[in-house]
Amino acid sequence: MASLIILALALFAGAASATELRIVGGETTSVNEYPSIAQVDFLGTASGIWSQSCGANILTSRYVLSAAQCFSGIFYDPKNRRIRAGTSYRNTGGQLAYVQYAFNHPSYGQNDMDADITVVLLKEPFVYNPNIQQVTIVPQGYEIPANVSSVLVGWGATQIGGLQSTELQAAVVRTIPRDECLEIYKNLTLARNVTENMICTQSFDDDTRDACQGDFGGPVYFSDILVGILSWGQGCGDYPTVSTAVSSYTDWIVSVAV
């Protein structure tokens, strides 16, 4: 598990440039470009139909990292979740693994959306191939600078209230200062607290590059390193996206996924 973590912070100094893509109203990318991303499928309790509803990130062949909100609630049951990896297409292709147990962070639910992170143990391992690879996660305590490029990836809706994308989408956005993000959300209807355990991202300009419904649990990459887990926001493209900062929980992740 320790191999998942890059301890040489110098690697962050020269973040690789990325093609400008979008999730909301965006363009298509490929799982070959992001082989550590996976889908979280929910089983409809009434319909009996499986459907992708969240994203996840491959830690090892038996563990994935996602948002705790995707593995909680009064109707949650491990048998109603499965993980699909190795495909660019929503609800089809790739490999499937069923959930054995989700280790939601013990602080989740104590302070609004703080600690919205979970380590999920799978019943059967994924078989690595070019489209299924483990992710590299950020070291404990590393603070992502403001105003640097990061990439959001997922199968979420391409506009608020719209249908989810059938193919994998990506968006290049910028990180914004936490205090700026906090001031924005203080004055909105949602009025959630932005804590030191969160990362905020927003478009570089007036365009709407953002995560949307169905993307939560998926990745925020900085220089190809997993730094955030998409968690919440108001609207799609109008206000900052708020993600769980992986670096606040790296030591905990390693202690669980062993």
Protein backbone atom coordinates (compact mmCIF):
# COMPACT_ATOMS: atom_id res chain seq x y z
CA MET A 1 0.00 0.00 0.00
CA ALA A 2 2.88 2.35 0.70
CA SER A 3 3.69 2.28 -3.02
CA LEU A 4 0.52 4.27 -3.60
CA ILE A 5 2.04 7.34 -1.98
CA ILE A 6 4.61 9.60 -3.61
CA LEU A 7 6.84 10.86 -0.83
CA ALA A 8 8.99 13.05 -3.06
CA LEU A 9 7.03 16.31 -3.08
CA ALA A 10 9.28 17.68 -5.80
CA LEU A 11 7.11 15.77 -8.27
CA PHE A 12 4.37 18.31 -7.63
CA ALA A 13 6.50 21.26 -8.70
CA GLY A 14 6.08 20.63 -12.43
CA ALA A 15 2.42 19.76 -12.87
CA ALA A 16 1.80 18.35 -16.34
CA SER A 17 -0.35 20.41 -18.66
CA ALA A 18 -3.72 18.86 -19.51
CA THR A 19 -6.07 19.07 -22.47
CA GLU A 20 -9.04 21.32 -21.75
CA LEU A 21 -12.01 19.04 -21.29
CA ARG A 22 -15.32 19.45 -19.49
CA ILE A 23 -17.77 17.31 -17.52
CA VAL A 24 -20.70 19.75 -17.59
CA GLY A 25 -21.50 20.13 -21.31
CA GLY A 26 -18.11 18.62 -22.00
CA GLU A 27 -16.01 16.48 -24.22
CA THR A 28 -15.20 12.81 -23.99
CA THR A 29 -12.07 11.20 -22.61
CA SER A 30 -10.98 7.57 -22.18
CA VAL A 31 -10.42 5.25 -19.24
CA ASN A 32 -7.05 4.54 -20.83
CA GLU A 33 -6.11 8.09 -19.82
CA TYR A 34 -7.44 7.56 -16.26
CA PRO A 35 -7.15 3.80 -15.60
CA SER A 36 -7.57 4.12 -11.82
CA ILE A 37 -11.12 5.50 -12.06
CA ALA A 38 -14.09 3.22 -11.41
CA GLN A 39 -17.88 3.40 -11.24
CA VAL A 40 -20.00 2.77 -8.15
CA ASP A 41 -23.21 0.98 -9.19
CA PHE A 42 -26.34 1.17 -7.03
CA LEU A 43 -29.01 -1.54 -7.11
CA GLY A 44 -32.47 0.01 -7.24
CA THR A 45 -34.42 -1.48 -4.35
CA ALA A 46 -37.72 -1.14 -6.22
CA SER A 47 -36.60 -1.57 -9.83
CA GLY A 48 -33.95 -4.25 -9.27
CA ILE A 49 -31.79 -2.46 -11.85
CA TRP A 50 -28.11 -1.65 -11.38
CA SER A 51 -27.01 1.87 -12.37
CA GLN A 52 -23.85 3.95 -11.93
CA SER A 53 -24.41 6.68 -9.35
CA CYS A 54 -20.95 7.59 -7.96
CA GLY A 55 -17.28 7.38 -8.83
CA ALA A 56 -14.41 5.55 -7.15
CA ASN A 57 -10.63 5.22 -7.34
CA ILE A 58 -8.64 1.98 -7.39
CA LEU A 59 -6.25 1.75 -4.44
CA THR A 60 -5.29 -1.91 -4.88
CA SER A 61 -6.88 -4.89 -6.60
CA ARG A 62 -9.15 -5.39 -3.54
CA TYR A 63 -9.71 -1.82 -2.30
CA VAL A 64 -11.19 1.34 -3.81
CA LEU A 65 -11.51 4.87 -2.43
CA SER A 66 -14.76 6.83 -2.76
CA ALA A 67 -17.08 9.24 -0.95
CA ALA A 68 -18.75 8.06 2.27
CA GLN A 69 -22.05 9.55 1.08
CA CYS A 70 -22.15 6.81 -1.57
CA PHE A 71 -21.98 4.08 1.11
CA SER A 72 -24.28 5.38 3.83
CA GLY A 73 -27.91 6.17 4.58
CA ILE A 74 -30.85 4.22 5.95
CA PHE A 75 -31.24 2.16 2.77
CA TYR A 76 -27.54 1.37 2.34
CA ASP A 77 -26.55 -2.29 2.24
CA PRO A 78 -23.25 -3.66 0.87
CA LYS A 79 -25.15 -6.10 -1.34
CA ASN A 80 -26.67 -3.11 -3.14
CA ARG A 81 -23.30 -1.76 -4.28
CA ARG A 82 -20.79 -2.97 -6.81
CA ILE A 83 -17.74 -1.48 -8.54
CA ARG A 84 -17.13 -1.44 -12.29
CA ALA A 85 -13.63 -0.72 -13.60
CA GLY A 86 -11.79 -0.70 -16.90
CA THR A 87 -14.39 0.88 -19.18
CA SER A 88 -15.01 4.35 -20.61
CA TYR A 89 -18.74 3.65 -20.82
CA ARG A 90 -21.30 4.05 -18.08
CA ASN A 91 -23.11 0.86 -17.02
CA THR A 92 -21.37 -1.42 -19.49
CA GLY A 93 -18.07 -3.21 -20.11
CA GLY A 94 -15.01 -3.62 -17.94
CA GLN A 95 -14.78 -5.80 -14.83
CA LEU A 96 -17.27 -6.00 -11.96
CA ALA A 97 -16.53 -6.55 -8.26
CA TYR A 98 -19.11 -6.66 -5.49
CA VAL A 99 -18.71 -4.83 -2.19
CA GLN A 100 -17.84 -6.75 0.96
CA TYR A 101 -17.54 -3.81 3.36
CA ALA A 102 -17.22 -0.01 3.29
CA PHE A 103 -15.02 1.61 5.93
CA ASN A 104 -16.50 5.10 6.14
CA HIS A 105 -14.21 7.50 7.97
CA PRO A 106 -15.21 7.54 11.67
CA SER A 107 -15.63 11.34 11.59
CA TYR A 108 -18.10 11.29 8.70
CA GLY A 109 -21.50 12.66 9.71
CA GLN A 110 -20.21 14.56 12.74
CA ASN A 111 -19.62 17.88 10.96
CA ASP A 112 -21.80 18.24 7.87
CA MET A 113 -19.82 16.94 4.85
CA ASP A 114 -16.42 16.79 6.57
CA ALA A 115 -14.58 13.45 6.19
CA ASP A 116 -16.70 12.41 3.21
CA ILE A 117 -14.36 9.54 2.37
CA THR A 118 -14.50 5.75 2.49
CA VAL A 119 -12.24 2.79 1.81
CA VAL A 120 -14.20 -0.05 0.21
CA LEU A 121 -13.18 -3.71 0.43
CA LEU A 122 -14.20 -5.82 -2.57
CA LYS A 123 -15.30 -9.45 -2.49
CA GLU A 124 -13.13 -10.32 -5.45
CA PRO A 125 -10.00 -8.63 -6.83
CA PHE A 126 -9.74 -6.71 -10.05
CA VAL A 127 -7.27 -8.06 -12.60
CA TYR A 128 -4.91 -5.28 -13.66
CA ASN A 129 -4.61 -4.43 -17.34
CA PRO A 130 -3.89 -1.18 -19.26
CA ASN A 131 -7.37 0.12 -18.34
CA ILE A 132 -7.32 -1.00 -14.69
CA GLN A 133 -4.46 0.37 -12.59
CA GLN A 134 -3.99 1.51 -9.02
CA VAL A 135 -3.88 5.21 -8.27
CA THR A 136 -1.09 7.19 -6.63
CA ILE A 137 -2.33 9.21 -3.65
CA VAL A 138 -0.98 12.41 -2.17
CA PRO A 139 1.16 12.27 1.02
CA GLN A 140 -0.37 13.07 4.39
CA GLY A 141 -0.54 16.79 5.13
CA TYR A 142 0.38 18.07 1.67
CA GLU A 143 -1.43 21.34 0.93
CA ILE A 144 -2.41 21.80 -2.72
CA PRO A 145 -1.56 25.35 -3.83
CA ALA A 146 -4.28 27.74 -4.98
CA ASN A 147 -4.66 28.64 -8.66
CA VAL A 148 -3.10 25.50 -10.09
CA SER A 149 -4.65 23.21 -12.68
CA SER A 150 -6.44 20.10 -11.54
CA VAL A 151 -8.60 17.60 -13.38
CA LEU A 152 -12.08 16.31 -12.47
CA VAL A 153 -13.22 13.06 -14.09
CA GLY A 154 -16.53 11.18 -14.07
CA TRP A 155 -19.75 9.99 -15.68
CA GLY A 156 -21.99 12.62 -14.06
CA ALA A 157 -24.63 14.81 -15.63
CA THR A 158 -23.47 17.21 -18.33
CA GLN A 159 -25.87 19.89 -17.09
CA ILE A 160 -27.81 20.42 -13.87
CA GLY A 161 -30.90 18.25 -13.83
CA GLY A 162 -29.75 16.52 -17.01
CA LEU A 163 -28.92 12.93 -17.84
CA GLN A 164 -25.62 11.40 -16.86
CA SER A 165 -22.99 11.00 -19.55
CA THR A 166 -22.76 7.63 -21.30
CA GLU A 167 -19.00 8.14 -21.77
CA LEU A 168 -16.27 9.27 -19.40
CA GLN A 169 -15.81 13.05 -19.18
CA ALA A 170 -13.06 15.25 -17.75
CA ALA A 171 -12.66 18.92 -16.84
CA VAL A 172 -9.56 21.03 -16.29
CA VAL A 173 -10.23 23.53 -13.50
CA ARG A 174 -8.24 25.57 -10.98
CA THR A 175 -7.95 25.26 -7.24
CA ILE A 176 -9.17 28.29 -5.30
CA PRO A 177 -8.25 29.48 -1.78
CA ARG A 178 -10.26 27.79 0.95
CA ASP A 179 -11.20 31.06 2.64
CA GLU A 180 -12.56 32.41 -0.66
CA CYS A 181 -14.61 29.24 -1.10
CA LEU A 182 -15.90 29.49 2.47
CA GLU A 183 -17.09 33.07 1.95
CA ILE A 184 -18.98 32.04 -1.19
CA TYR A 185 -20.83 29.22 0.58
CA LYS A 186 -21.60 31.28 3.67
CA ASN A 187 -23.88 33.42 1.51
CA LEU A 188 -25.65 30.63 -0.38
CA THR A 189 -28.78 28.66 0.41
CA LEU A 190 -26.69 25.53 0.89
CA ALA A 191 -24.65 27.32 3.61
CA ARG A 192 -22.26 24.46 4.27
CA ASN A 193 -18.98 24.81 6.10
CA VAL A 194 -15.75 24.54 4.07
CA THR A 195 -13.17 22.97 6.37
CA GLU A 196 -9.41 22.48 6.27
CA ASN A 197 -10.12 18.93 5.08
CA MET A 198 -11.58 20.12 1.78
CA ILE A 199 -10.34 21.36 -1.61
CA CYS A 200 -12.29 23.84 -3.74
CA THR A 201 -12.06 24.03 -7.52
CA GLN A 202 -13.63 26.29 -10.13
CA SER A 203 -13.37 27.18 -13.81
CA PHE A 204 -10.51 29.36 -14.99
CA ASP A 205 -12.97 31.70 -16.73
CA ASP A 206 -16.71 32.19 -17.19
CA ASP A 207 -17.12 28.80 -18.81
CA THR A 208 -18.87 26.04 -16.83
CA ARG A 209 -16.35 23.33 -16.12
CA ASP A 210 -17.53 21.43 -13.11
CA ALA A 211 -18.60 18.18 -11.54
CA CYS A 212 -22.30 17.37 -11.40
CA GLN A 213 -24.71 14.72 -10.14
CA GLY A 214 -23.18 11.25 -10.48
CA ASP A 215 -19.56 12.44 -10.25
CA PHE A 216 -19.25 12.40 -6.45
CA GLY A 217 -16.75 9.88 -5.12
CA GLY A 218 -14.66 10.33 -8.25
CA PRO A 219 -11.20 11.84 -8.55
CA VAL A 220 -9.55 15.24 -8.47
CA TYR A 221 -6.06 14.87 -9.97
CA PHE A 222 -3.12 17.20 -9.59
CA SER A 223 -0.17 16.24 -11.78
CA ASP A 224 -1.69 12.74 -12.15
CA ILE A 225 -1.83 12.30 -8.36
CA LEU A 226 -5.15 11.74 -6.56
CA VAL A 227 -5.57 14.77 -4.29
CA GLY A 228 -9.35 14.99 -3.89
CA ILE A 229 -12.57 12.99 -3.75
CA LEU A 230 -15.48 14.86 -5.36
CA SER A 231 -17.95 15.56 -2.56
CA TRP A 232 -20.47 18.41 -2.93
CA GLY A 233 -21.39 21.79 -4.38
CA GLN A 234 -24.33 23.98 -5.32
CA GLY A 235 -25.44 23.72 -8.92
CA CYS A 236 -23.19 22.56 -11.73
CA GLY A 237 -20.74 25.18 -12.95
CA ASP A 238 -22.14 28.16 -11.06
CA TYR A 239 -20.20 27.79 -7.79
CA PRO A 240 -17.04 25.99 -6.66
CA THR A 241 -16.94 22.21 -6.44
CA VAL A 242 -15.87 21.05 -2.99
CA SER A 243 -13.88 17.84 -2.62
CA THR A 244 -12.49 15.87 0.30
CA ALA A 245 -8.76 16.55 0.60
CA VAL A 246 -7.11 13.13 0.42
CA SER A 247 -3.99 14.46 2.19
CA SER A 248 -6.01 14.90 5.39
CA TYR A 249 -6.68 11.15 5.44
CA THR A 250 -3.71 9.46 3.73
CA ASP A 251 -2.42 7.81 6.91
CA TRP A 252 -5.91 6.54 7.70
CA ILE A 253 -6.34 5.20 4.15
CA VAL A 254 -3.06 3.30 4.38
CA SER A 255 -4.01 1.88 7.80
CA VAL A 256 -7.28 0.50 6.41
CA ALA A 257 -6.23 -0.73 2.97
CA VAL A 258 -3.59 -3.22 4.08
